Amino acid sequence: MVGIAFVEGLPASSTLGLLVLNTALVGLSEELAFRGILLAGLRERYGTGRAVIVGAVAFGVVHSLNGALTGDYASAAAQSVLAMGMGVWTAGLRLRTGSLAAPIVIHAVWDLALIAALVGESTTSAIGVSLVSLVAIVILTIHGAGLVRAQLREEGAAVPAGTAASA
């Protein structure tokens, strides 16, 4: 996405400054809420696997609400699916690193690059950005699932011998 933004031309510097601030705050707040608070609470109650799935679906559902704000329900539905994939990936990063730093930065950079690539562009360019986003999210979701799987294996290995979970 960053490459597309540079090829297509970045927005004016004043617009870019506001986009940087906005996407940084959105990345921070959404990751704190979803991969910080929600993931931790769901994990404690339902375990890691279910927590990641429920958290990713919730993240997607929240993004689908953008359709009510913009009136563009098709784009909101697509954004919802992309957000679910991003939710799996960032949850995997959160679990494997033990930190929210990577998910916050990645979320902010992803949003900034996507918005910068789409600002003032044609429908053809928007379709190209959407296709690149879709391919990227498929790859990142697979990577995130692998991270979550590694975490689940590690958690399974940590079960003390003689407990019901190890039997």
Foldseek 3Di string as FASTA:
>chain_A
DLVLLVVVDFDDPVVLVVLLVVLLVVLVVVCCVQLNPQLVVCCVVPNNPVSLQVSLLVQLVVQCCVCVVVVPNVVSNLSSVLSSLLSLLQNLVCLQVVDNVVSSVVRSVVSSSLCRSPPPDDPVSNVVSSVVSVVVSVVSSVVSVVSSVVSVVVVLVPDDPPDPSVD
